[in-house]
């Protein structure tokens, strides 16, 4: 039982996914900009607190929020990269094809995880 490579989504369906992914990229980019501006504000506003009793707590939480912001930014940048790679797969007409089984990935899964390259079946095999 060979893997069928002719399995692919129609151009119309690919266009639907392309629009969906582009919207997700735009939103993710917007979120990333917000994270980065919050991060920049953390860097700039660290010295303006005059209430000494909260100082120690604030410094700890400021360090914490800088670290979590940078982790968030890194995750967000990877998400955007994955989505842009998905757009390339749409152009190549390989989008939505499981890279293990060669079968079409369920469209509901693609709506939830638009950068997925594995079907649930293949993911469960891992």
PDB file of N, CA and C in Angstrom:
ATOM      1  N   UNK A   1       0.850  -1.197   0.000  1.00  0.00           N
ATOM      2  CA  UNK A   1       0.000   0.000   0.000  1.00  0.00           C
ATOM      3  C   UNK A   1       0.881   1.240   0.000  1.00  0.00           C
ATOM      4  N   UNK A   2       1.125   1.817  -1.163  1.00  0.00           N
ATOM      5  CA  UNK A   2       2.021   2.969  -1.288  1.00  0.00           C
ATOM      6  C   UNK A   2       1.370   4.261  -0.824  1.00  0.00           C
ATOM      7  N   UNK A   3       2.220   5.210  -0.505  1.00  0.00           N
ATOM      8  CA  UNK A   3       1.731   6.528  -0.081  1.00  0.00           C
ATOM      9  C   UNK A   3       1.340   7.311  -1.334  1.00  0.00           C
ATOM     10  N   UNK A   4       0.111   7.838  -1.331  1.00  0.00           N
ATOM     11  CA  UNK A   4      -0.343   8.617  -2.487  1.00  0.00           C
ATOM     12  C   UNK A   4       0.150  10.045  -2.363  1.00  0.00           C
ATOM     13  N   UNK A   5       0.837  10.504  -3.394  1.00  0.00           N
ATOM     14  CA  UNK A   5       1.332  11.879  -3.349  1.00  0.00           C
ATOM     15  C   UNK A   5       0.366  12.819  -4.075  1.00  0.00           C
ATOM     16  N   UNK A   6      -0.622  12.253  -4.758  1.00  0.00           N
ATOM     17  CA  UNK A   6      -1.580  13.107  -5.471  1.00  0.00           C
ATOM     18  C   UNK A   6      -2.610  13.689  -4.497  1.00  0.00           C
ATOM     19  N   UNK A   7      -2.669  13.124  -3.305  1.00  0.00           N
ATOM     20  CA  UNK A   7      -3.562  13.656  -2.273  1.00  0.00           C
ATOM     21  C   UNK A   7      -3.187  15.091  -1.961  1.00  0.00           C
ATOM     22  N   UNK A   8      -4.110  15.994  -2.198  1.00  0.00           N
ATOM     23  CA  UNK A   8      -3.865  17.366  -1.776  1.00  0.00           C
ATOM     24  C   UNK A   8      -5.178  18.117  -1.718  1.00  0.00           C
ATOM     25  N   UNK A   9      -5.154  19.238  -1.005  1.00  0.00           N
ATOM     26  CA  UNK A   9      -6.343  20.066  -0.935  1.00  0.00           C
ATOM     27  C   UNK A   9      -6.502  20.839  -2.240  1.00  0.00           C
ATOM     28  N   UNK A  10      -7.749  21.133  -2.599  1.00  0.00           N
ATOM     29  CA  UNK A  10      -8.035  21.900  -3.816  1.00  0.00           C
ATOM     30  C   UNK A  10      -7.469  23.310  -3.668  1.00  0.00           C
ATOM     31  N   UNK A  11      -7.276  23.977  -4.804  1.00  0.00           N
ATOM     32  CA  UNK A  11      -6.766  25.347  -4.777  1.00  0.00           C
ATOM     33  C   UNK A  11      -7.697  26.262  -3.974  1.00  0.00           C
ATOM     34  N   UNK A  12      -9.000  26.029  -4.085  1.00  0.00           N
ATOM     35  CA  UNK A  12      -9.972  26.856  -3.347  1.00  0.00           C
ATOM     36  C   UNK A  12      -9.775  26.675  -1.840  1.00  0.00           C
ATOM     37  N   UNK A  13      -9.619  25.401  -1.438  1.00  0.00           N
ATOM     38  CA  UNK A  13      -9.431  25.088  -0.013  1.00  0.00           C
ATOM     39  C   UNK A  13      -8.102  25.679   0.476  1.00  0.00           C
ATOM     40  N   UNK A  14      -7.066  25.550  -0.343  1.00  0.00           N
ATOM     41  CA  UNK A  14      -5.758  26.104   0.022  1.00  0.00           C
ATOM     42  C   UNK A  14      -5.861  27.619   0.206  1.00  0.00           C
ATOM     43  N   UNK A  15      -6.645  28.263  -0.660  1.00  0.00           N
ATOM     44  CA  UNK A  15      -6.813  29.715  -0.547  1.00  0.00           C
ATOM     45  C   UNK A  15      -7.511  30.071   0.768  1.00  0.00           C
ATOM     46  N   UNK A  16      -8.508  29.268   1.159  1.00  0.00           N
ATOM     47  CA  UNK A  16      -9.183  29.489   2.449  1.00  0.00           C
ATOM     48  C   UNK A  16      -8.167  29.408   3.587  1.00  0.00           C
ATOM     49  N   UNK A  17      -7.325  28.372   3.543  1.00  0.00           N
ATOM     50  CA  UNK A  17      -6.307  28.209   4.585  1.00  0.00           C
ATOM     51  C   UNK A  17      -5.312  29.371   4.546  1.00  0.00           C
ATOM     52  N   UNK A  18      -4.969  29.823   3.331  1.00  0.00           N
ATOM     53  CA  UNK A  18      -4.008  30.915   3.195  1.00  0.00           C
ATOM     54  C   UNK A  18      -4.535  32.171   3.900  1.00  0.00           C
ATOM     55  N   UNK A  19      -5.815  32.480   3.668  1.00  0.00           N
ATOM     56  CA  UNK A  19      -6.442  33.654   4.293  1.00  0.00           C
ATOM     57  C   UNK A  19      -6.426  33.489   5.822  1.00  0.00           C
ATOM     58  N   UNK A  20      -6.817  32.305   6.288  1.00  0.00           N
ATOM     59  CA  UNK A  20      -6.840  32.012   7.718  1.00  0.00           C
ATOM     60  C   UNK A  20      -5.444  32.196   8.340  1.00  0.00           C
ATOM     61  N   UNK A  21      -4.442  31.642   7.683  1.00  0.00           N
ATOM     62  CA  UNK A  21      -3.068  31.716   8.202  1.00  0.00           C
ATOM     63  C   UNK A  21      -2.563  33.157   8.178  1.00  0.00           C
ATOM     64  N   UNK A  22      -2.863  33.881   7.099  1.00  0.00           N
ATOM     65  CA  UNK A  22      -2.417  35.281   7.024  1.00  0.00           C
ATOM     66  C   UNK A  22      -3.022  36.089   8.167  1.00  0.00           C
ATOM     67  N   UNK A  23      -4.307  35.835   8.471  1.00  0.00           N
ATOM     68  CA  UNK A  23      -4.952  36.525   9.602  1.00  0.00           C
ATOM     69  C   UNK A  23      -4.248  36.173  10.905  1.00  0.00           C
ATOM     70  N   UNK A  24      -3.894  34.894  11.067  1.00  0.00           N
ATOM     71  CA  UNK A  24      -3.198  34.461  12.285  1.00  0.00           C
ATOM     72  C   UNK A  24      -1.817  35.096  12.376  1.00  0.00           C
ATOM     73  N   UNK A  25      -1.125  35.217  11.241  1.00  0.00           N
ATOM     74  CA  UNK A  25       0.197  35.867  11.232  1.00  0.00           C
ATOM     75  C   UNK A  25       0.050  37.326  11.660  1.00  0.00           C
ATOM     76  N   UNK A  26      -0.940  38.019  11.083  1.00  0.00           N
ATOM     77  CA  UNK A  26      -1.143  39.436  11.418  1.00  0.00           C
ATOM     78  C   UNK A  26      -1.426  39.609  12.901  1.00  0.00           C
ATOM     79  N   UNK A  27      -2.289  38.745  13.437  1.00  0.00           N
ATOM     80  CA  UNK A  27      -2.621  38.834  14.864  1.00  0.00           C
ATOM     81  C   UNK A  27      -1.403  38.493  15.725  1.00  0.00           C
ATOM     82  N   UNK A  28      -0.688  37.440  15.345  1.00  0.00           N
ATOM     83  CA  UNK A  28       0.492  37.023  16.106  1.00  0.00           C
ATOM     84  C   UNK A  28       1.555  38.114  16.085  1.00  0.00           C
ATOM     85  N   UNK A  29       1.705  38.780  14.935  1.00  0.00           N
ATOM     86  CA  UNK A  29       2.688  39.868  14.811  1.00  0.00           C
ATOM     87  C   UNK A  29       2.276  41.024  15.715  1.00  0.00           C
ATOM     88  N   UNK A  30       0.991  41.322  15.749  1.00  0.00           N
ATOM     89  CA  UNK A  30       0.452  42.378  16.610  1.00  0.00           C
ATOM     90  C   UNK A  30       0.722  42.027  18.081  1.00  0.00           C
ATOM     91  N   UNK A  31       0.448  40.775  18.454  1.00  0.00           N
ATOM     92  CA  UNK A  31       0.699  40.329  19.825  1.00  0.00           C
ATOM     93  C   UNK A  31       2.181  40.430  20.166  1.00  0.00           C
ATOM     94  N   UNK A  32       3.030  40.039  19.213  1.00  0.00           N
ATOM     95  CA  UNK A  32       4.475  40.114  19.423  1.00  0.00           C
ATOM     96  C   UNK A  32       4.900  41.562  19.657  1.00  0.00           C
ATOM     97  N   UNK A  33       4.351  42.487  18.876  1.00  0.00           N
ATOM     98  CA  UNK A  33       4.671  43.905  19.054  1.00  0.00           C
ATOM     99  C   UNK A  33       4.266  44.379  20.451  1.00  0.00           C
ATOM    100  N   UNK A  34       3.096  43.912  20.918  1.00  0.00           N
ATOM    101  CA  UNK A  34       2.640  44.270  22.270  1.00  0.00           C
ATOM    102  C   UNK A  34       3.591  43.723  23.330  1.00  0.00           C
ATOM    103  N   UNK A  35       3.996  42.459  23.159  1.00  0.00           N
ATOM    104  CA  UNK A  35       4.922  41.837  24.115  1.00  0.00           C
ATOM    105  C   UNK A  35       6.229  42.635  24.140  1.00  0.00           C
ATOM    106  N   UNK A  36       6.733  42.972  22.943  1.00  0.00           N
ATOM    107  CA  UNK A  36       8.002  43.697  22.865  1.00  0.00           C
ATOM    108  C   UNK A  36       7.892  45.091  23.474  1.00  0.00           C
ATOM    109  N   UNK A  37       6.752  45.767  23.262  1.00  0.00           N
ATOM    110  CA  UNK A  37       6.631  47.113  23.830  1.00  0.00           C
ATOM    111  C   UNK A  37       6.477  47.032  25.349  1.00  0.00           C
ATOM    112  N   UNK A  38       5.804  45.983  25.838  1.00  0.00           N
ATOM    113  CA  UNK A  38       5.703  45.783  27.293  1.00  0.00           C
ATOM    114  C   UNK A  38       7.095  45.535  27.854  1.00  0.00           C
ATOM    115  N   UNK A  39       7.889  44.768  27.128  1.00  0.00           N
ATOM    116  CA  UNK A  39       9.258  44.461  27.544  1.00  0.00           C
ATOM    117  C   UNK A  39      10.088  45.749  27.601  1.00  0.00           C
ATOM    118  N   UNK A  40       9.950  46.583  26.581  1.00  0.00           N
ATOM    119  CA  UNK A  40      10.696  47.850  26.556  1.00  0.00           C
ATOM    120  C   UNK A  40      10.252  48.747  27.708  1.00  0.00           C
ATOM    121  N   UNK A  41       8.966  48.762  28.004  1.00  0.00           N
ATOM    122  CA  UNK A  41       8.465  49.563  29.128  1.00  0.00           C
ATOM    123  C   UNK A  41       9.035  49.058  30.443  1.00  0.00           C
ATOM    124  N   UNK A  42       9.139  47.738  30.594  1.00  0.00           N
ATOM    125  CA  UNK A  42       9.748  47.163  31.802  1.00  0.00           C
ATOM    126  C   UNK A  42      11.169  47.691  31.975  1.00  0.00           C
ATOM    127  N   UNK A  43      11.902  47.754  30.875  1.00  0.00           N
ATOM    128  CA  UNK A  43      13.287  48.218  30.949  1.00  0.00           C
ATOM    129  C   UNK A  43      13.352  49.696  31.335  1.00  0.00           C
ATOM    130  N   UNK A  44      12.412  50.486  30.833  1.00  0.00           N
ATOM    131  CA  UNK A  44      12.460  51.930  31.059  1.00  0.00           C
ATOM    132  C   UNK A  44      11.889  52.371  32.397  1.00  0.00           C
ATOM    133  N   UNK A  45      10.926  51.618  32.911  1.00  0.00           N
ATOM    134  CA  UNK A  45      10.199  52.100  34.086  1.00  0.00           C
ATOM    135  C   UNK A  45      10.668  51.486  35.393  1.00  0.00           C
ATOM    136  N   UNK A  46      11.796  50.805  35.372  1.00  0.00           N
ATOM    137  CA  UNK A  46      12.257  50.109  36.564  1.00  0.00           C
ATOM    138  C   UNK A  46      12.658  51.026  37.706  1.00  0.00           C
ATOM    139  N   UNK A  47      13.002  52.279  37.429  1.00  0.00           N
ATOM    140  CA  UNK A  47      13.581  53.148  38.467  1.00  0.00           C
ATOM    141  C   UNK A  47      12.608  54.175  39.012  1.00  0.00           C
ATOM    142  N   UNK A  48      11.371  54.157  38.560  1.00  0.00           N
ATOM    143  CA  UNK A  48      10.468  55.246  38.934  1.00  0.00           C
ATOM    144  C   UNK A  48       9.639  54.978  40.179  1.00  0.00           C
ATOM    145  N   UNK A  49       9.789  53.812  40.788  1.00  0.00           N
ATOM    146  CA  UNK A  49       8.975  53.487  41.971  1.00  0.00           C
ATOM    147  C   UNK A  49       9.591  54.103  43.216  1.00  0.00           C
ATOM    148  N   UNK A  50       8.786  54.835  43.985  1.00  0.00           N
ATOM    149  CA  UNK A  50       9.313  55.503  45.171  1.00  0.00           C
ATOM    150  C   UNK A  50       8.847  54.869  46.472  1.00  0.00           C
ATOM    151  N   UNK A  51       7.980  53.867  46.411  1.00  0.00           N
ATOM    152  CA  UNK A  51       7.499  53.232  47.638  1.00  0.00           C
ATOM    153  C   UNK A  51       8.474  52.129  48.044  1.00  0.00           C
ATOM    154  N   UNK A  52       9.361  52.403  49.036  1.00  0.00           N
ATOM    155  CA  UNK A  52      10.435  51.453  49.357  1.00  0.00           C
ATOM    156  C   UNK A  52       9.941  50.100  49.869  1.00  0.00           C
ATOM    157  N   UNK A  53       8.786  50.062  50.565  1.00  0.00           N
ATOM    158  CA  UNK A  53       8.348  48.774  51.104  1.00  0.00           C
ATOM    159  C   UNK A  53       8.012  47.764  50.006  1.00  0.00           C
ATOM    160  N   UNK A  54       7.670  48.232  48.811  1.00  0.00           N
ATOM    161  CA  UNK A  54       7.328  47.310  47.726  1.00  0.00           C
ATOM    162  C   UNK A  54       8.507  47.085  46.782  1.00  0.00           C
ATOM    163  N   UNK A  55       9.609  47.768  47.034  1.00  0.00           N
ATOM    164  CA  UNK A  55      10.738  47.749  46.118  1.00  0.00           C
ATOM    165  C   UNK A  55      11.233  46.320  45.834  1.00  0.00           C
ATOM    166  N   UNK A  56      11.510  45.575  46.896  1.00  0.00           N
ATOM    167  CA  UNK A  56      12.085  44.237  46.718  1.00  0.00           C
ATOM    168  C   UNK A  56      11.137  43.352  45.916  1.00  0.00           C
ATOM    169  N   UNK A  57       9.865  43.398  46.258  1.00  0.00           N
ATOM    170  CA  UNK A  57       8.872  42.595  45.545  1.00  0.00           C
ATOM    171  C   UNK A  57       8.819  43.022  44.088  1.00  0.00           C
ATOM    172  N   UNK A  58       8.795  44.309  43.841  1.00  0.00           N
ATOM    173  CA  UNK A  58       8.708  44.819  42.474  1.00  0.00           C
ATOM    174  C   UNK A  58       9.909  44.401  41.637  1.00  0.00           C
ATOM    175  N   UNK A  59      11.095  44.495  42.225  1.00  0.00           N
ATOM    176  CA  UNK A  59      12.285  44.121  41.453  1.00  0.00           C
ATOM    177  C   UNK A  59      12.227  42.652  41.067  1.00  0.00           C
ATOM    178  N   UNK A  60      11.789  41.822  42.008  1.00  0.00           N
ATOM    179  CA  UNK A  60      11.646  40.395  41.708  1.00  0.00           C
ATOM    180  C   UNK A  60      10.642  40.162  40.604  1.00  0.00           C
ATOM    181  N   UNK A  61       9.506  40.846  40.680  1.00  0.00           N
ATOM    182  CA  UNK A  61       8.475  40.620  39.671  1.00  0.00           C
ATOM    183  C   UNK A  61       8.860  41.259  38.340  1.00  0.00           C
ATOM    184  N   UNK A  62       9.640  42.353  38.392  1.00  0.00           N
ATOM    185  CA  UNK A  62      10.087  42.974  37.144  1.00  0.00           C
ATOM    186  C   UNK A  62      11.028  42.033  36.401  1.00  0.00           C
ATOM    187  N   UNK A  63      11.954  41.415  37.142  1.00  0.00           N
ATOM    188  CA  UNK A  63      12.868  40.444  36.531  1.00  0.00           C
ATOM    189  C   UNK A  63      12.048  39.278  35.975  1.00  0.00           C
ATOM    190  N   UNK A  64      11.090  38.820  36.784  1.00  0.00           N
ATOM    191  CA  UNK A  64      10.226  37.720  36.386  1.00  0.00           C
ATOM    192  C   UNK A  64       9.477  38.069  35.105  1.00  0.00           C
ATOM    193  N   UNK A  65       8.900  39.279  35.058  1.00  0.00           N
ATOM    194  CA  UNK A  65       8.095  39.608  33.884  1.00  0.00           C
ATOM    195  C   UNK A  65       8.976  39.833  32.656  1.00  0.00           C
ATOM    196  N   UNK A  66      10.209  40.328  32.845  1.00  0.00           N
ATOM    197  CA  UNK A  66      11.125  40.460  31.702  1.00  0.00           C
ATOM    198  C   UNK A  66      11.449  39.087  31.132  1.00  0.00           C
ATOM    199  N   UNK A  67      11.718  38.132  32.035  1.00  0.00           N
ATOM    200  CA  UNK A  67      12.040  36.780  31.569  1.00  0.00           C
ATOM    201  C   UNK A  67      10.848  36.131  30.886  1.00  0.00           C
ATOM    202  N   UNK A  68       9.665  36.264  31.506  1.00  0.00           N
ATOM    203  CA  UNK A  68       8.505  35.622  30.884  1.00  0.00           C
ATOM    204  C   UNK A  68       8.130  36.336  29.589  1.00  0.00           C
ATOM    205  N   UNK A  69       8.314  37.657  29.535  1.00  0.00           N
ATOM    206  CA  UNK A  69       8.064  38.391  28.287  1.00  0.00           C
ATOM    207  C   UNK A  69       9.005  37.931  27.187  1.00  0.00           C
ATOM    208  N   UNK A  70      10.274  37.733  27.525  1.00  0.00           N
ATOM    209  CA  UNK A  70      11.200  37.328  26.467  1.00  0.00           C
ATOM    210  C   UNK A  70      10.899  35.891  26.033  1.00  0.00           C
ATOM    211  N   UNK A  71      10.504  35.022  26.974  1.00  0.00           N
ATOM    212  CA  UNK A  71      10.090  33.662  26.607  1.00  0.00           C
ATOM    213  C   UNK A  71       8.860  33.702  25.697  1.00  0.00           C
ATOM    214  N   UNK A  72       7.919  34.566  26.066  1.00  0.00           N
ATOM    215  CA  UNK A  72       6.695  34.732  25.282  1.00  0.00           C
ATOM    216  C   UNK A  72       7.039  35.218  23.874  1.00  0.00           C
ATOM    217  N   UNK A  73       7.952  36.189  23.805  1.00  0.00           N
ATOM    218  CA  UNK A  73       8.355  36.739  22.508  1.00  0.00           C
ATOM    219  C   UNK A  73       9.012  35.667  21.644  1.00  0.00           C
ATOM    220  N   UNK A  74       9.873  34.855  22.251  1.00  0.00           N
ATOM    221  CA  UNK A  74      10.553  33.786  21.506  1.00  0.00           C
ATOM    222  C   UNK A  74       9.531  32.787  20.965  1.00  0.00           C
ATOM    223  N   UNK A  75       8.575  32.399  21.831  1.00  0.00           N
ATOM    224  CA  UNK A  75       7.522  31.467  21.392  1.00  0.00           C
ATOM    225  C   UNK A  75       6.700  32.069  20.256  1.00  0.00           C
ATOM    226  N   UNK A  76       6.372  33.347  20.408  1.00  0.00           N
ATOM    227  CA  UNK A  76       5.552  34.038  19.406  1.00  0.00           C
ATOM    228  C   UNK A  76       6.293  34.116  18.069  1.00  0.00           C
ATOM    229  N   UNK A  77       7.605  34.407  18.126  1.00  0.00           N
ATOM    230  CA  UNK A  77       8.399  34.482  16.888  1.00  0.00           C
ATOM    231  C   UNK A  77       8.451  33.118  16.199  1.00  0.00           C
ATOM    232  N   UNK A  78       8.577  32.045  16.983  1.00  0.00           N
ATOM    233  CA  UNK A  78       8.583  30.694  16.403  1.00  0.00           C
ATOM    234  C   UNK A  78       7.229  30.389  15.759  1.00  0.00           C
ATOM    235  N   UNK A  79       6.143  30.766  16.441  1.00  0.00           N
ATOM    236  CA  UNK A  79       4.789  30.562  15.913  1.00  0.00           C
ATOM    237  C   UNK A  79       4.640  31.267  14.560  1.00  0.00           C
ATOM    238  N   UNK A  80       5.099  32.518  14.483  1.00  0.00           N
ATOM    239  CA  UNK A  80       5.013  33.291  13.234  1.00  0.00           C
ATOM    240  C   UNK A  80       5.839  32.607  12.141  1.00  0.00           C
ATOM    241  N   UNK A  81       7.037  32.159  12.502  1.00  0.00           N
ATOM    242  CA  UNK A  81       7.893  31.440  11.529  1.00  0.00           C
ATOM    243  C   UNK A  81       7.195  30.195  11.009  1.00  0.00           C
ATOM    244  N   UNK A  82       6.587  29.421  11.940  1.00  0.00           N
ATOM    245  CA  UNK A  82       5.873  28.197  11.539  1.00  0.00           C
ATOM    246  C   UNK A  82       4.715  28.515  10.604  1.00  0.00           C
ATOM    247  N   UNK A  83       3.998  29.596  10.898  1.00  0.00           N
ATOM    248  CA  UNK A  83       2.869  29.999  10.043  1.00  0.00           C
ATOM    249  C   UNK A  83       3.364  30.416   8.661  1.00  0.00           C
ATOM    250  N   UNK A  84       4.480  31.153   8.619  1.00  0.00           N
ATOM    251  CA  UNK A  84       5.022  31.586   7.313  1.00  0.00           C
ATOM    252  C   UNK A  84       5.496  30.382   6.500  1.00  0.00           C
ATOM    253  N   UNK A  85       6.030  29.385   7.188  1.00  0.00           N
ATOM    254  CA  UNK A  85       6.431  28.151   6.507  1.00  0.00           C
ATOM    255  C   UNK A  85       5.199  27.447   5.937  1.00  0.00           C
ATOM    256  N   UNK A  86       4.098  27.510   6.689  1.00  0.00           N
ATOM    257  CA  UNK A  86       2.842  26.916   6.208  1.00  0.00           C
ATOM    258  C   UNK A  86       2.386  27.616   4.923  1.00  0.00           C
ATOM    259  N   UNK A  87       2.568  28.932   4.850  1.00  0.00           N
ATOM    260  CA  UNK A  87       2.210  29.672   3.615  1.00  0.00           C
ATOM    261  C   UNK A  87       3.025  29.161   2.432  1.00  0.00           C
ATOM    262  N   UNK A  88       4.296  28.849   2.669  1.00  0.00           N
ATOM    263  CA  UNK A  88       5.143  28.313   1.597  1.00  0.00           C
ATOM    264  C   UNK A  88       4.608  26.959   1.146  1.00  0.00           C
ATOM    265  N   UNK A  89       4.175  26.131   2.120  1.00  0.00           N
ATOM    266  CA  UNK A  89       3.600  24.826   1.756  1.00  0.00           C
ATOM    267  C   UNK A  89       2.323  25.009   0.946  1.00  0.00           C
ATOM    268  N   UNK A  90       1.566  26.062   1.225  1.00  0.00           N
ATOM    269  CA  UNK A  90       0.362  26.337   0.425  1.00  0.00           C
ATOM    270  C   UNK A  90       0.766  26.648  -1.012  1.00  0.00           C
ATOM    271  N   UNK A  91       1.787  27.503  -1.165  1.00  0.00           N
ATOM    272  CA  UNK A  91       2.262  27.838  -2.523  1.00  0.00           C
ATOM    273  C   UNK A  91       2.749  26.584  -3.256  1.00  0.00           C
ATOM    274  N   UNK A  92       3.402  25.691  -2.524  1.00  0.00           N
ATOM    275  CA  UNK A  92       3.909  24.442  -3.121  1.00  0.00           C
ATOM    276  C   UNK A  92       2.827  23.387  -3.274  1.00  0.00           C
ATOM    277  N   UNK A  93       1.638  23.712  -2.785  1.00  0.00           N
ATOM    278  CA  UNK A  93       0.483  22.811  -2.814  1.00  0.00           C
ATOM    279  C   UNK A  93       0.724  21.529  -2.022  1.00  0.00           C
ATOM    280  N   UNK A  94       1.602  21.599  -1.010  1.00  0.00           N
ATOM    281  CA  UNK A  94       1.839  20.447  -0.135  1.00  0.00           C
ATOM    282  C   UNK A  94       1.199  20.677   1.231  1.00  0.00           C
ATOM    283  N   UNK A  95       0.531  21.815   1.394  1.00  0.00           N
ATOM    284  CA  UNK A  95      -0.071  22.150   2.678  1.00  0.00           C
ATOM    285  C   UNK A  95      -1.178  21.161   3.036  1.00  0.00           C
ATOM    286  N   UNK A  96      -1.203  20.762   4.308  1.00  0.00           N
ATOM    287  CA  UNK A  96      -2.280  19.895   4.781  1.00  0.00           C
ATOM    288  C   UNK A  96      -2.059  18.426   4.501  1.00  0.00           C
ATOM    289  N   UNK A  97      -0.868  18.098   3.971  1.00  0.00           N
ATOM    290  CA  UNK A  97      -0.544  16.696   3.722  1.00  0.00           C
ATOM    291  C   UNK A  97       0.397  16.240   4.833  1.00  0.00           C
ATOM    292  N   UNK A  98       0.033  15.169   5.521  1.00  0.00           N
ATOM    293  CA  UNK A  98       0.858  14.655   6.622  1.00  0.00           C
ATOM    294  C   UNK A  98       2.209  14.210   6.080  1.00  0.00           C
ATOM    295  N   UNK A  99       3.293  14.679   6.723  1.00  0.00           N
ATOM    296  CA  UNK A  99       4.628  14.333   6.222  1.00  0.00           C
ATOM    297  C   UNK A  99       5.036  12.905   6.566  1.00  0.00           C
ATOM    298  N   UNK A 100       4.240  12.204   7.373  1.00  0.00           N
ATOM    299  CA  UNK A 100       4.533  10.809   7.704  1.00  0.00           C
ATOM    300  C   UNK A 100       3.663   9.861   6.890  1.00  0.00           C
ATOM    301  N   UNK A 101       2.345  10.084   6.938  1.00  0.00           N
ATOM    302  CA  UNK A 101       1.427   9.140   6.278  1.00  0.00           C
ATOM    303  C   UNK A 101       1.136   9.539   4.827  1.00  0.00           C
ATOM    304  N   UNK A 102       1.351  10.804   4.477  1.00  0.00           N
ATOM    305  CA  UNK A 102       1.024  11.267   3.132  1.00  0.00           C
ATOM    306  C   UNK A 102      -0.461  11.514   2.925  1.00  0.00           C
ATOM    307  N   UNK A 103      -1.251  11.295   3.982  1.00  0.00           N
ATOM    308  CA  UNK A 103      -2.697  11.525   3.879  1.00  0.00           C
ATOM    309  C   UNK A 103      -3.005  12.976   4.223  1.00  0.00           C
ATOM    310  N   UNK A 104      -4.210  13.403   3.846  1.00  0.00           N
ATOM    311  CA  UNK A 104      -4.627  14.762   4.189  1.00  0.00           C
ATOM    312  C   UNK A 104      -4.865  14.873   5.690  1.00  0.00           C
ATOM    313  N   UNK A 105      -4.381  15.969   6.255  1.00  0.00           N
ATOM    314  CA  UNK A 105      -4.631  16.254   7.661  1.00  0.00           C
ATOM    315  C   UNK A 105      -6.061  16.784   7.767  1.00  0.00           C
ATOM    316  N   UNK A 106      -6.766  16.339   8.787  1.00  0.00           N
ATOM    317  CA  UNK A 106      -8.153  16.759   9.000  1.00  0.00           C
ATOM    318  C   UNK A 106      -8.251  18.291   8.995  1.00  0.00           C
ATOM    319  N   UNK A 107      -9.184  18.856   8.171  1.00  0.00           N
ATOM    320  CA  UNK A 107      -9.302  20.320   8.089  1.00  0.00           C
ATOM    321  C   UNK A 107      -9.617  20.980   9.438  1.00  0.00           C
ATOM    322  N   UNK A 108     -10.337  20.257  10.307  1.00  0.00           N
ATOM    323  CA  UNK A 108     -10.633  20.820  11.641  1.00  0.00           C
ATOM    324  C   UNK A 108      -9.340  20.987  12.435  1.00  0.00           C
ATOM    325  N   UNK A 109      -8.428  20.015  12.307  1.00  0.00           N
ATOM    326  CA  UNK A 109      -7.125  20.110  12.979  1.00  0.00           C
ATOM    327  C   UNK A 109      -6.342  21.302  12.422  1.00  0.00           C
ATOM    328  N   UNK A 110      -6.391  21.473  11.108  1.00  0.00           N
ATOM    329  CA  UNK A 110      -5.652  22.570  10.482  1.00  0.00           C
ATOM    330  C   UNK A 110      -6.204  23.934  10.910  1.00  0.00           C
ATOM    331  N   UNK A 111      -7.516  23.990  11.166  1.00  0.00           N
ATOM    332  CA  UNK A 111      -8.085  25.258  11.632  1.00  0.00           C
ATOM    333  C   UNK A 111      -7.571  25.584  13.025  1.00  0.00           C
ATOM    334  N   UNK A 112      -7.404  24.557  13.855  1.00  0.00           N
ATOM    335  CA  UNK A 112      -6.906  24.758  15.218  1.00  0.00           C
ATOM    336  C   UNK A 112      -5.387  24.939  15.246  1.00  0.00           C
ATOM    337  N   UNK A 113      -4.681  24.135  14.456  1.00  0.00           N
ATOM    338  CA  UNK A 113      -3.216  24.176  14.408  1.00  0.00           C
ATOM    339  C   UNK A 113      -2.810  24.346  12.945  1.00  0.00           C
ATOM    340  N   UNK A 114      -2.909  25.576  12.415  1.00  0.00           N
ATOM    341  CA  UNK A 114      -2.728  25.772  10.973  1.00  0.00           C
ATOM    342  C   UNK A 114      -1.324  25.450  10.458  1.00  0.00           C
ATOM    343  N   UNK A 115      -0.351  25.338  11.361  1.00  0.00           N
ATOM    344  CA  UNK A 115       1.003  25.018  10.905  1.00  0.00           C
ATOM    345  C   UNK A 115       1.335  23.531  11.086  1.00  0.00           C
ATOM    346  N   UNK A 116       0.304  22.707  11.371  1.00  0.00           N
ATOM    347  CA  UNK A 116       0.520  21.271  11.582  1.00  0.00           C
ATOM    348  C   UNK A 116       1.071  20.606  10.326  1.00  0.00           C
ATOM    349  N   UNK A 117       2.032  19.703  10.521  1.00  0.00           N
ATOM    350  CA  UNK A 117       2.549  18.931   9.390  1.00  0.00           C
ATOM    351  C   UNK A 117       2.326  17.438   9.614  1.00  0.00           C
ATOM    352  N   UNK A 118       1.688  17.109  10.758  1.00  0.00           N
ATOM    353  CA  UNK A 118       1.405  15.711  11.069  1.00  0.00           C
ATOM    354  C   UNK A 118      -0.083  15.527  11.290  1.00  0.00           C
ATOM    355  N   UNK A 119      -0.608  14.415  10.798  1.00  0.00           N
ATOM    356  CA  UNK A 119      -1.998  14.064  11.125  1.00  0.00           C
ATOM    357  C   UNK A 119      -2.019  13.573  12.572  1.00  0.00           C
ATOM    358  N   UNK A 120      -3.206  13.509  13.156  1.00  0.00           N
ATOM    359  CA  UNK A 120      -3.345  12.988  14.512  1.00  0.00           C
ATOM    360  C   UNK A 120      -2.788  11.554  14.567  1.00  0.00           C
ATOM    361  N   UNK A 121      -3.087  10.799  13.528  1.00  0.00           N
ATOM    362  CA  UNK A 121      -2.614   9.415  13.419  1.00  0.00           C
ATOM    363  C   UNK A 121      -1.086   9.364  13.550  1.00  0.00           C
ATOM    364  N   UNK A 122      -0.392  10.210  12.786  1.00  0.00           N
ATOM    365  CA  UNK A 122       1.081  10.238  12.804  1.00  0.00           C
ATOM    366  C   UNK A 122       1.583  10.766  14.155  1.00  0.00           C
ATOM    367  N   UNK A 123       0.880  11.750  14.708  1.00  0.00           N
ATOM    368  CA  UNK A 123       1.289  12.318  15.989  1.00  0.00           C
ATOM    369  C   UNK A 123       1.195  11.261  17.088  1.00  0.00           C
ATOM    370  N   UNK A 124       0.156  10.451  17.033  1.00  0.00           N
ATOM    371  CA  UNK A 124      -0.018   9.387  18.034  1.00  0.00           C
ATOM    372  C   UNK A 124       1.036   8.289  17.888  1.00  0.00           C
ATOM    373  N   UNK A 125       1.573   8.120  16.696  1.00  0.00           N
ATOM    374  CA  UNK A 125       2.609   7.103  16.464  1.00  0.00           C
ATOM    375  C   UNK A 125       3.940   7.520  17.091  1.00  0.00           C
ATOM    376  N   UNK A 126       4.133   8.822  17.275  1.00  0.00           N
ATOM    377  CA  UNK A 126       5.423   9.321  17.796  1.00  0.00           C
ATOM    378  C   UNK A 126       5.703   8.841  19.195  1.00  0.00           C
TER     379      UNK A 126
END
